[in-house]
Structure formats: C-alpha cells, structure tokens
Amino acid sequence: MEPNSITQQRMLLAAERLAGLGHWRLDLLSDDLFWSDEIFRIHGYEPNEIIPDLEFGINAYHPEDRDKVSAVVERAISEQVGWTFQVRLIHRDGGIRHVRAKGEVETDAAGHVVALFGVFQDCTVEVEERIRLEQLNDIVESTHEGVVVTDAVGVTQWCNEGFAKITGYSREELIGRKPGDLLQGPATSLDAVSELREAIQRGQSFTGELLNYDKAGRAYWVRISMRPITDEGGEVTGFHAIESDITASRQITEDLRCEVKRREALENRLRRLATEDPLSGLLNRRGFFERAEAERERARRQCSPLHAAVLDIDYFKKINDQYGHDVGDQAIRHVSGLMKLCSREYDLTARIGGEEFAFLLQVGSESQAEAFLQRFLAKLRSAPLMVDDVAVDVRCSVGMAVMSPGGSIRDVMTRADRALYEAKRRGRDRLVAEWQKWPSANDSIARTFQAS
C-alpha cells in the first residue's frame, strides 16, 4: 500500500530529525522565509515557536561568516548555480552550531531566479570532535616518542612520525603490518616477544624492553608501554603503545613512566574520594550502594542472606547545640571508629547521611546479626566520647532487616529504616529488628529509603 501524503510528511520530519537535517526556502519576490521543523531545532527553537524573516535568518549566521554567505548567494543568483559549504550559526543559547549548507536556485518559466532552496545538516559534534582530534594529533605528533595504535591482533592501524623515525620505515610501510615482523631480529629476546604476544592474545597490558632493528639494520633498544583499547562492552578492540628509543633517551622514557604512575595514583585517589566519606573514613552513600549491589549479587549466587542495619546518632542536634559542631564531628568519627573496630573485613560500613550510618553484614542467621549489633551498642555505651576530660555519651538507635537471595538493596534498606524509626519511638539507644512486631499504626512513620 502506498503511504498517503500525511504519512509521507511524518516520515520526512522523522528522517530530518534523526539526521539532524532540515530544509528552508526563501521567496525572493516576497521575502517570505520558510523553515522546516529541524531548522527551528538547529537554531534552538521549537517548531513554529517564532516566525523567521529574512533579517532574522541573516543575523543567525556567525558575524564572521555573513560576507561568505552573501557572496555565495549572490553568485548563485547571478550564475544560477547551486552551493555547498560549511557555515556557523548562532544558537538561541548563544553557542555556535556548525552546519553543512547545500542549496539551489528556483527559476520561473522565463528562467528568472524566484526563490532559493537549501538544507542544513547539524555537524557540530563532528566538527568539535575533529578539532579535539586535531589538537590531540598535534600533541602526539610533536613528541619524539613513538606512538602506535593496532587492532586486536597487533596489526598497525596508525602510528606517529616519531615511531617512523625510530624504526626508519615510512608510515606507509608500517601500517598494515605487525611491528614485530619488521623490527625483530636475531638478537631479539624470544622470551620478551613471547610475553608481548601473550599479552595481545589475552587483551592485557604490557610493559617491557626489546632489542629491535631499524630499516637500515641498526640495533636499538626500545621500552614498550602497551595498553588495551576497549569498547563500551569491555571488549578489546585494539592496543595503543608508546615506544621510546632508550638507547639515547632513557631519561625521557623514565620521565614518561613517572607521569603515567602519577596520573594513575591521582585517578585512584579521585576514585576513593568519590566513594569514601572524608569525615568518617567509611564508605559514603554512593560507595555503599555500589558495593552493596556487588554483595547482593554474590549472596544471590551463593544463596546466602545479607543483613542490613541503619544507625542514627541519638540526639545529635543536642550534642551540636551543647558542645559545638567540632564535637559533633568528633561524635561522627567516634561512632565510625567503633563501627570499623567491631566489623569484619567483609562487612560493609558506611556513613550514608549527616548522622546516619549503615552496616551490611554477611552472617548466616538473624540471631548472629542481632548479637553483632548488640555488641556494637554495648561497646558504644561503655566507651563515651572524651572531650577535654568530659565524657560525652554518644548513643545510637538501630534498625535491622534481612535480605533473602533475590531481594533488592533498596527494599532491605527501606525495611531497616522503618525498624530504625520504631527503635526511636521506643525510646532510642536500642536495636529493633523487622521481625520484632510493633503496632501497625506506627507504619506511618516509615520513610522511603532512596538509593543514590
């Protein structure tokens, strides 16, 4: 069945939206300007949000490109030819959009130009990515180190000029070949080559030194630092390697290695900062839920239960008001210190709110979990916080719930949170487990525990 005109129009609009491409038409006799829906979107407007006119359309071009556009239009009208060029537009938000412009003139029966018709395709992402790649390429090309990118089996896909100079081969000779086929010679260590090949087969990193031979047969030592390239699914799609001619530039290689280590250390530190609470030294809310999800999956595979507990410091505001916020911070560190002291290496401990904490316990039964938490509360009661020889009692209310295999972290934390509020209702400084019955009227005090 042939699509009707309405269906065709919808298909055209959908195609333009998906391609980031729109069309426009300017009637030269009436100066009427038509924009398709996607032209509006490219400029930052909803379709038909404004009524564009010729002046508005001209002012939408970047000031530095308007003379270029005028020249193209004048030539198109005078010579009755089409045009293709790239131009910048000023977006509604003040930013710049890069578009590909293509068009043609419309003539009447007498051959006079009566209208201009054109299309814009938003290529901003492509242009900005190309600029970033050009900047990166300039950086890579300016280094004396050899940089190589290979596919998953080690065939060279790209290399910089530094690598070509080190090896004595042209880029054309290197691309499409495995470096080892060209550069390894009679004195190259077979053990080192085997280790490198095994790393490629396993999709792993490799760092080592090899004796290679350049195109002229000169032997030279290189230090190779190779890392896998992975796609979004974690599959290895290739490798990138930095090769340094350490025959003459060992110091350069050492400096680069130190920089790599510094960046790795910084990344690890930033990763810790993202998942740890700096005041308590425990996991923060984000870190707790990330780790808890992993523990939930482990418990599901092993068909073992997990026990969650939510803790809240009793009368924390009173401590702050009476002793000051510095003592309040000490109280948080005091509780967190006892949590770490009482817990085992495979338990999770976290500060998930201002004065709110959480345990995720890997114990086999409710009674074991209760005993653990009661020991913690007893330890807290027997070890007051000492501030300038003054004993400050810091107590906690605790709610506990059990998660069976297949349950969710959000659900068990919600139930533990409900039990916590029951513990507070009963007078605080106590443990309440979800399986301990309490009047249903108190269910209204429960709040939904949102995981971040």
Protein backbone atom coordinates (compact mmCIF):
# COMPACT_ATOMS: atom_id res chain seq x y z
CA MET A 1 0.00 0.00 0.00
CA GLU A 2 1.37 3.42 -0.97
CA PRO A 3 1.82 5.77 2.02
CA ASN A 4 -0.57 8.74 1.96
CA SER A 5 0.64 12.34 1.99
CA ILE A 6 0.27 12.71 5.77
CA THR A 7 2.33 9.57 6.37
CA GLN A 8 4.95 10.77 3.91
CA GLN A 9 5.17 14.12 5.70
CA ARG A 10 5.61 12.40 9.06
CA MET A 11 8.31 10.16 7.62
CA LEU A 12 10.10 13.20 6.18
CA LEU A 13 10.01 15.04 9.51
CA ALA A 14 11.26 11.93 11.35
CA ALA A 15 14.06 11.45 8.83
CA GLU A 16 15.13 15.08 9.18
CA ARG A 17 15.09 14.86 12.97
CA LEU A 18 17.16 11.67 13.06
CA ALA A 19 19.69 13.04 10.57
CA GLY A 20 19.85 16.50 12.15
CA LEU A 21 18.94 17.84 8.73
CA GLY A 22 16.35 20.46 7.84
CA HIS A 23 15.29 22.43 4.77
CA TRP A 24 14.37 26.04 4.11
CA ARG A 25 13.04 28.16 1.24
CA LEU A 26 13.31 31.90 0.59
CA ASP A 27 10.86 33.50 -1.85
CA LEU A 28 12.87 36.30 -3.48
CA LEU A 29 9.72 38.06 -4.70
CA SER A 30 8.01 38.32 -1.31
CA ASP A 31 10.99 37.75 1.03
CA ASP A 32 8.92 35.03 2.73
CA LEU A 33 11.19 32.58 4.57
CA PHE A 34 10.10 29.03 5.35
CA TRP A 35 11.87 26.77 7.88
CA SER A 36 11.20 23.08 8.37
CA ASP A 37 10.89 21.75 11.94
CA GLU A 38 14.53 20.69 12.11
CA ILE A 39 15.77 24.12 11.01
CA PHE A 40 13.98 25.57 14.04
CA ARG A 41 15.64 22.97 16.28
CA ILE A 42 19.11 23.63 14.83
CA HIS A 43 18.65 27.29 15.77
CA GLY A 44 17.42 26.33 19.26
CA TYR A 45 13.68 26.85 18.83
CA GLU A 46 10.69 24.57 18.88
CA PRO A 47 8.94 24.26 15.52
CA ASN A 48 6.92 27.40 14.72
CA GLU A 49 7.89 29.00 18.05
CA ILE A 50 8.87 32.10 16.08
CA ILE A 51 8.12 33.45 12.63
CA PRO A 52 11.52 33.82 10.93
CA ASP A 53 12.05 36.57 8.40
CA LEU A 54 14.95 37.34 6.08
CA GLU A 55 16.69 39.67 8.54
CA PHE A 56 16.41 37.12 11.34
CA GLY A 57 17.78 34.40 9.08
CA ILE A 58 20.79 36.53 8.07
CA ASN A 59 21.53 37.54 11.67
CA ALA A 60 21.52 33.88 12.70
CA TYR A 61 24.79 33.39 10.81
CA HIS A 62 28.02 33.97 12.68
CA PRO A 63 29.18 37.57 12.03
CA GLU A 64 32.46 36.34 10.55
CA ASP A 65 30.58 34.12 8.07
CA ARG A 66 27.96 36.57 6.81
CA ASP A 67 30.12 38.00 3.99
CA LYS A 68 30.88 34.46 2.88
CA VAL A 69 27.17 33.60 2.81
CA SER A 70 26.31 36.80 0.93
CA ALA A 71 28.94 36.08 -1.70
CA VAL A 72 27.67 32.54 -2.20
CA VAL A 73 24.05 33.70 -2.54
CA GLU A 74 24.94 36.50 -4.96
CA ARG A 75 26.90 34.10 -7.17
CA ALA A 76 24.07 31.52 -7.02
CA ILE A 77 21.52 34.12 -8.19
CA SER A 78 23.68 35.72 -10.85
CA GLU A 79 25.03 32.46 -12.31
CA GLN A 80 22.03 30.27 -11.40
CA VAL A 81 24.21 27.66 -9.70
CA GLY A 82 23.88 25.66 -6.51
CA TRP A 83 26.15 25.82 -3.50
CA THR A 84 27.74 23.63 -0.85
CA PHE A 85 29.72 24.97 2.08
CA GLN A 86 30.09 24.78 5.86
CA VAL A 87 29.00 27.69 8.00
CA ARG A 88 28.49 28.65 11.64
CA LEU A 89 25.15 29.61 13.17
CA ILE A 90 24.47 31.45 16.42
CA HIS A 91 22.27 29.19 18.54
CA ARG A 92 19.48 30.58 20.68
CA ASP A 93 21.59 29.92 23.79
CA GLY A 94 24.46 31.97 22.37
CA GLY A 95 26.56 28.96 21.45
CA ILE A 96 27.85 28.11 17.99
CA ARG A 97 26.44 25.38 15.77
CA HIS A 98 28.34 24.12 12.76
CA VAL A 99 26.16 23.17 9.79
CA ARG A 100 26.67 21.90 6.30
CA ALA A 101 24.73 24.07 3.90
CA LYS A 102 23.63 22.95 0.48
CA GLY A 103 21.15 24.55 -1.89
CA GLU A 104 19.98 25.55 -5.31
CA VAL A 105 18.02 28.28 -7.05
CA GLU A 106 14.46 28.05 -8.31
CA THR A 107 13.54 29.72 -11.60
CA ASP A 108 10.25 30.63 -13.27
CA ALA A 109 9.21 29.74 -16.79
CA ALA A 110 11.19 32.70 -18.12
CA GLY A 111 14.36 31.50 -16.45
CA HIS A 112 14.43 34.17 -13.75
CA VAL A 113 15.52 33.20 -10.25
CA VAL A 114 12.48 33.48 -7.98
CA ALA A 115 13.49 31.51 -4.88
CA LEU A 116 16.34 29.85 -3.03
CA PHE A 117 16.01 26.38 -1.56
CA GLY A 118 18.53 24.83 0.81
CA VAL A 119 19.23 22.30 3.51
CA PHE A 120 21.21 22.49 6.76
CA GLN A 121 22.72 19.50 8.49
CA ASP A 122 23.96 19.98 12.05
CA CYS A 123 27.55 18.73 12.15
CA THR A 124 28.57 20.42 15.42
CA VAL A 125 29.51 17.21 17.20
CA GLU A 126 31.56 16.05 14.23
CA VAL A 127 33.38 19.39 13.89
CA GLU A 128 34.14 19.67 17.60
CA GLU A 129 35.35 16.08 17.70
CA ARG A 130 37.57 16.75 14.68
CA ILE A 131 39.03 19.81 16.42
CA ARG A 132 39.76 17.75 19.53
CA LEU A 133 41.34 15.01 17.44
CA GLU A 134 43.45 17.57 15.58
CA GLN A 135 44.62 19.00 18.89
CA LEU A 136 45.42 15.55 20.18
CA ASN A 137 47.16 14.68 16.93
CA ASP A 138 49.29 17.83 17.21
CA ILE A 139 50.33 16.80 20.72
CA VAL A 140 51.13 13.23 19.67
CA GLU A 141 52.97 14.32 16.53
CA SER A 142 55.11 16.77 18.46
CA THR A 143 56.56 14.10 20.74
CA HIS A 144 59.77 12.27 19.94
CA GLU A 145 58.29 9.09 21.39
CA GLY A 146 56.85 6.50 19.04
CA VAL A 147 53.07 6.12 19.34
CA VAL A 148 51.36 3.14 17.72
CA VAL A 149 47.73 2.05 17.52
CA THR A 150 47.00 -1.53 16.46
CA ASP A 151 43.96 -3.72 16.00
CA ALA A 152 43.10 -6.55 18.39
CA VAL A 153 45.72 -8.91 16.87
CA GLY A 154 48.55 -6.38 16.77
CA VAL A 155 48.41 -5.12 13.16
CA THR A 156 49.38 -1.45 12.95
CA GLN A 157 46.44 0.84 12.14
CA TRP A 158 48.16 4.16 12.82
CA CYS A 159 51.48 5.49 14.03
CA ASN A 160 53.02 8.90 14.57
CA GLU A 161 56.05 10.38 12.88
CA GLY A 162 58.15 9.66 15.97
CA PHE A 163 57.63 5.92 15.51
CA ALA A 164 58.54 6.16 11.83
CA LYS A 165 61.78 7.99 12.68
CA ILE A 166 62.74 5.46 15.35
CA THR A 167 62.22 2.50 13.01
CA GLY A 168 63.49 4.08 9.82
CA TYR A 169 60.36 2.92 7.95
CA SER A 170 57.77 5.21 6.40
CA ARG A 171 54.25 5.20 7.75
CA GLU A 172 53.03 3.56 4.57
CA GLU A 173 55.46 0.70 5.14
CA LEU A 174 54.41 0.29 8.80
CA ILE A 175 50.61 0.49 8.53
CA GLY A 176 49.03 -2.88 7.85
CA ARG A 177 52.00 -4.80 9.27
CA LYS A 178 52.77 -6.17 12.72
CA PRO A 179 55.72 -4.19 14.14
CA GLY A 180 57.48 -7.36 15.21
CA ASP A 181 57.52 -8.72 11.65
CA LEU A 182 59.58 -5.72 10.57
CA LEU A 183 61.63 -4.84 13.64
CA GLN A 184 62.63 -8.03 15.47
CA GLY A 185 65.97 -9.56 14.59
CA PRO A 186 68.45 -12.26 15.50
CA ALA A 187 69.28 -10.90 18.98
CA THR A 188 65.72 -10.01 20.00
CA SER A 189 64.74 -11.84 23.19
CA LEU A 190 62.34 -14.65 22.38
CA ASP A 191 61.04 -14.59 25.96
CA ALA A 192 60.18 -10.90 25.74
CA VAL A 193 58.49 -11.43 22.35
CA SER A 194 56.51 -14.36 23.76
CA GLU A 195 55.38 -12.26 26.73
CA LEU A 196 54.28 -9.45 24.40
CA ARG A 197 52.34 -11.81 22.12
CA GLU A 198 50.66 -13.48 25.08
CA ALA A 199 49.54 -10.07 26.38
CA ILE A 200 48.00 -9.28 22.99
CA GLN A 201 46.20 -12.63 22.87
CA ARG A 202 44.78 -12.10 26.36
CA GLY A 203 43.91 -8.44 25.76
CA GLN A 204 46.21 -7.32 28.58
CA SER A 205 48.68 -4.52 29.20
CA PHE A 206 52.39 -4.98 28.57
CA THR A 207 55.47 -3.05 29.65
CA GLY A 208 58.92 -4.21 28.72
CA GLU A 209 62.13 -3.67 26.79
CA LEU A 210 63.00 -5.12 23.41
CA LEU A 211 66.02 -5.10 21.15
CA ASN A 212 64.77 -4.08 17.70
CA TYR A 213 66.36 -3.38 14.34
CA ASP A 214 65.56 -0.38 12.16
CA LYS A 215 65.22 -0.46 8.38
CA ALA A 216 68.98 0.02 7.95
CA GLY A 217 69.73 -2.91 10.26
CA ARG A 218 70.86 -0.79 13.22
CA ALA A 219 70.07 -2.43 16.57
CA TYR A 220 68.37 -0.23 19.14
CA TRP A 221 66.62 -0.74 22.43
CA VAL A 222 63.03 0.32 22.97
CA ARG A 223 60.87 0.35 26.02
CA ILE A 224 57.26 -0.50 25.17
CA SER A 225 54.28 0.53 27.27
CA MET A 226 51.15 -1.00 25.78
CA ARG A 227 47.55 -0.77 26.96
CA PRO A 228 44.36 -2.34 25.54
CA ILE A 229 41.61 -0.26 23.94
CA THR A 230 38.12 -1.42 24.90
CA ASP A 231 34.66 -0.62 23.61
CA GLU A 232 31.62 0.19 25.75
CA GLY A 233 31.03 -3.50 26.32
CA GLY A 234 34.55 -4.08 27.61
CA GLU A 235 35.68 -6.00 24.52
CA VAL A 236 39.27 -5.37 23.44
CA THR A 237 39.27 -3.70 20.02
CA GLY A 238 42.95 -2.85 19.79
CA PHE A 239 46.01 -1.56 21.62
CA HIS A 240 47.88 1.70 21.93
CA ALA A 241 51.58 1.69 22.72
CA ILE A 242 54.29 4.21 23.47
CA GLU A 243 57.76 3.18 22.33
CA SER A 244 60.86 5.02 23.48
CA ASP A 245 64.30 4.62 21.96
CA ILE A 246 66.12 4.15 25.26
CA THR A 247 69.43 3.73 23.51
CA ALA A 248 69.78 7.51 23.62
CA SER A 249 66.72 8.76 25.52
CA ARG A 250 66.38 6.62 28.65
CA GLN A 251 65.72 9.68 30.76
CA ILE A 252 62.79 10.75 28.59
CA THR A 253 61.28 7.30 29.00
CA GLU A 254 61.73 7.38 32.76
CA ASP A 255 60.01 10.77 33.00
CA LEU A 256 57.08 9.50 30.95
CA ARG A 257 56.76 6.40 33.12
CA CYS A 258 56.70 8.52 36.27
CA GLU A 259 54.00 10.73 34.78
CA VAL A 260 51.87 7.68 33.97
CA LYS A 261 52.24 6.47 37.55
CA ARG A 262 51.36 9.91 38.91
CA ARG A 263 48.19 10.02 36.83
CA GLU A 264 47.21 6.51 37.84
CA ALA A 265 47.71 7.42 41.50
CA LEU A 266 45.63 10.56 41.02
CA GLU A 267 42.85 8.57 39.35
CA ASN A 268 42.86 6.09 42.25
CA ARG A 269 42.75 8.93 44.76
CA LEU A 270 39.86 10.57 42.94
CA ARG A 271 38.08 7.22 42.82
CA ARG A 272 38.47 6.88 46.58
CA LEU A 273 37.21 10.43 47.13
CA ALA A 274 34.13 9.61 45.06
CA THR A 275 33.18 6.62 47.23
CA GLU A 276 34.54 7.43 50.70
CA ASP A 277 33.31 9.87 53.34
CA PRO A 278 36.24 12.12 54.33
CA LEU A 279 34.99 12.83 57.86
CA SER A 280 34.32 9.27 58.99
CA GLY A 281 36.66 7.31 56.74
CA LEU A 282 33.76 4.98 55.92
CA LEU A 283 32.10 4.42 52.58
CA ASN A 284 29.84 7.26 51.55
CA ARG A 285 26.28 6.73 50.32
CA ARG A 286 27.34 6.20 46.72
CA GLY A 287 30.16 3.84 47.65
CA PHE A 288 27.91 1.86 49.97
CA PHE A 289 25.22 1.22 47.38
CA GLU A 290 27.77 0.35 44.69
CA ARG A 291 29.48 -2.17 46.98
CA ALA A 292 26.15 -3.41 48.33
CA GLU A 293 24.95 -4.26 44.83
CA ALA A 294 28.07 -6.38 44.32
CA GLU A 295 27.48 -8.13 47.65
CA ARG A 296 23.83 -8.70 46.73
CA GLU A 297 24.91 -10.46 43.53
CA ARG A 298 27.42 -12.56 45.45
CA ALA A 299 24.78 -13.52 48.03
CA ARG A 300 22.35 -14.40 45.24
CA ARG A 301 24.88 -16.77 43.64
CA GLN A 302 25.71 -18.39 46.98
CA CYS A 303 22.07 -18.44 48.19
CA SER A 304 23.14 -16.75 51.44
CA PRO A 305 21.30 -13.97 53.30
CA LEU A 306 22.50 -10.44 53.95
CA HIS A 307 21.54 -8.36 56.96
CA ALA A 308 21.24 -4.58 56.68
CA ALA A 309 21.26 -2.20 59.62
CA VAL A 310 20.61 1.55 59.62
CA LEU A 311 22.01 3.54 62.57
CA ASP A 312 21.24 7.06 63.69
CA ILE A 313 23.03 9.00 66.45
CA ASP A 314 20.50 9.83 69.15
CA TYR A 315 20.01 13.50 69.98
CA PHE A 316 22.76 14.53 67.59
CA LYS A 317 21.39 18.07 67.32
CA LYS A 318 21.56 18.36 71.10
CA ILE A 319 25.25 17.36 71.01
CA ASN A 320 25.93 20.03 68.39
CA ASP A 321 23.95 22.67 70.31
CA GLN A 322 25.53 21.87 73.67
CA TYR A 323 29.14 21.21 72.71
CA GLY A 324 29.54 22.73 69.22
CA HIS A 325 29.89 21.34 65.74
CA ASP A 326 33.52 20.30 66.26
CA VAL A 327 32.35 17.90 68.96
CA GLY A 328 29.55 16.82 66.62
CA ASP A 329 32.21 15.87 64.07
CA GLN A 330 34.10 14.02 66.80
CA ALA A 331 30.92 12.12 67.63
CA ILE A 332 30.60 11.04 63.99
CA ARG A 333 34.23 9.88 63.98
CA HIS A 334 33.69 8.16 67.33
CA VAL A 335 30.77 6.10 66.01
CA SER A 336 32.52 5.32 62.74
CA GLY A 337 35.66 4.25 64.59
CA LEU A 338 33.68 1.78 66.72
CA MET A 339 31.89 0.52 63.59
CA LYS A 340 35.23 -0.26 61.96
CA LEU A 341 36.54 -1.78 65.19
CA CYS A 342 33.55 -4.11 65.55
CA SER A 343 33.12 -5.09 61.91
CA ARG A 344 34.96 -7.72 59.93
CA GLU A 345 36.83 -7.13 56.68
CA TYR A 346 33.95 -8.49 54.58
CA ASP A 347 31.24 -6.36 56.26
CA LEU A 348 30.29 -3.03 54.73
CA THR A 349 30.26 0.09 56.89
CA ALA A 350 29.13 3.48 55.64
CA ARG A 351 28.05 6.96 56.58
CA ILE A 352 25.00 7.48 54.40
CA GLY A 353 23.74 10.78 55.79
CA GLY A 354 24.54 13.52 58.28
CA GLU A 355 24.38 11.38 61.44
CA GLU A 356 23.11 8.23 59.74
CA PHE A 357 25.19 5.12 59.20
CA ALA A 358 24.73 1.64 57.75
CA PHE A 359 26.05 -1.89 58.13
CA LEU A 360 25.72 -4.67 55.57
CA LEU A 361 26.52 -7.87 57.41
CA GLN A 362 27.42 -11.25 55.98
CA VAL A 363 26.15 -13.53 58.73
CA GLY A 364 24.17 -16.72 58.49
CA SER A 365 21.23 -16.01 60.79
CA GLU A 366 19.12 -13.28 62.36
CA SER A 367 20.41 -14.17 65.84
CA GLN A 368 24.02 -13.72 64.73
CA ALA A 369 23.21 -10.34 63.21
CA GLU A 370 21.36 -9.27 66.37
CA ALA A 371 24.29 -10.38 68.54
CA PHE A 372 26.75 -8.42 66.41
CA LEU A 373 24.71 -5.21 66.64
CA GLN A 374 24.05 -5.62 70.35
CA ARG A 375 27.81 -5.94 70.89
CA PHE A 376 28.30 -2.75 68.94
CA LEU A 377 25.71 -0.89 71.05
CA ALA A 378 27.27 -2.24 74.24
CA LYS A 379 30.69 -1.05 73.07
CA LEU A 380 29.23 2.37 72.32
CA ARG A 381 27.64 2.61 75.79
CA SER A 382 30.88 1.59 77.53
CA ALA A 383 33.12 3.95 75.54
CA PRO A 384 31.91 7.55 75.82
CA LEU A 385 33.46 10.27 73.71
CA MET A 386 36.04 12.15 75.80
CA VAL A 387 36.21 15.90 75.12
CA ASP A 388 38.63 17.85 77.35
CA ASP A 389 38.21 15.27 80.14
CA VAL A 390 34.44 15.47 79.79
CA ALA A 391 32.61 12.23 78.92
CA VAL A 392 30.02 12.80 76.23
CA ASP A 393 27.57 9.93 75.91
CA VAL A 394 27.02 9.06 72.26
CA ARG A 395 24.24 6.56 71.68
CA CYS A 396 22.60 5.12 68.58
CA SER A 397 19.26 3.74 67.55
CA VAL A 398 19.48 0.80 65.16
CA GLY A 399 17.04 -0.79 62.76
CA MET A 400 17.80 -4.13 61.12
CA ALA A 401 16.31 -6.16 58.27
CA VAL A 402 17.28 -9.33 56.41
CA MET A 403 17.58 -9.67 52.65
CA SER A 404 16.99 -13.09 51.21
CA PRO A 405 18.65 -14.18 47.95
CA GLY A 406 17.00 -12.36 45.08
CA GLY A 407 15.91 -9.38 47.19
CA SER A 408 16.91 -5.79 46.45
CA ILE A 409 19.18 -3.45 48.39
CA ARG A 410 16.59 -0.67 48.24
CA ASP A 411 13.91 -2.89 49.75
CA VAL A 412 16.02 -4.18 52.64
CA MET A 413 17.28 -0.67 53.46
CA THR A 414 13.70 0.64 53.45
CA ARG A 415 12.68 -2.05 55.92
CA ALA A 416 15.74 -1.43 58.10
CA ASP A 417 14.95 2.28 58.05
CA ARG A 418 11.39 1.54 59.20
CA ALA A 419 12.77 -0.54 62.05
CA LEU A 420 15.13 2.33 62.97
CA TYR A 421 12.20 4.68 63.41
CA GLU A 422 10.47 2.12 65.60
CA ALA A 423 13.64 1.97 67.76
CA LYS A 424 13.48 5.75 68.16
CA ARG A 425 9.78 5.58 69.02
CA ARG A 426 10.51 3.03 71.75
CA GLY A 427 12.97 5.35 73.49
CA ARG A 428 16.18 5.27 71.38
CA ASP A 429 19.51 3.63 72.31
CA ARG A 430 18.27 0.24 71.20
CA LEU A 431 18.06 -2.26 68.37
CA VAL A 432 14.80 -3.14 66.65
CA ALA A 433 14.68 -5.86 64.01
CA GLU A 434 11.99 -6.01 61.36
CA TRP A 435 10.79 -9.40 62.59
CA GLN A 436 10.03 -7.93 66.02
CA LYS A 437 6.35 -6.98 65.82
CA TRP A 438 5.16 -3.48 66.59
CA PRO A 439 1.75 -1.80 66.14
CA SER A 440 0.83 -1.23 62.53
CA ALA A 441 -0.26 2.33 63.39
CA ASN A 442 3.38 3.23 63.54
CA ASP A 443 3.89 2.27 59.91
CA SER A 444 3.14 5.90 59.05
CA ILE A 445 6.49 6.97 60.44
CA ALA A 446 8.38 4.92 57.84
CA ARG A 447 10.06 6.78 55.04
CA THR A 448 11.21 5.58 51.65
CA PHE A 449 14.96 4.98 51.53
CA GLN A 450 16.23 6.34 48.23
CA ALA A 451 19.48 4.91 46.90
CA SER A 452 21.68 7.38 45.12
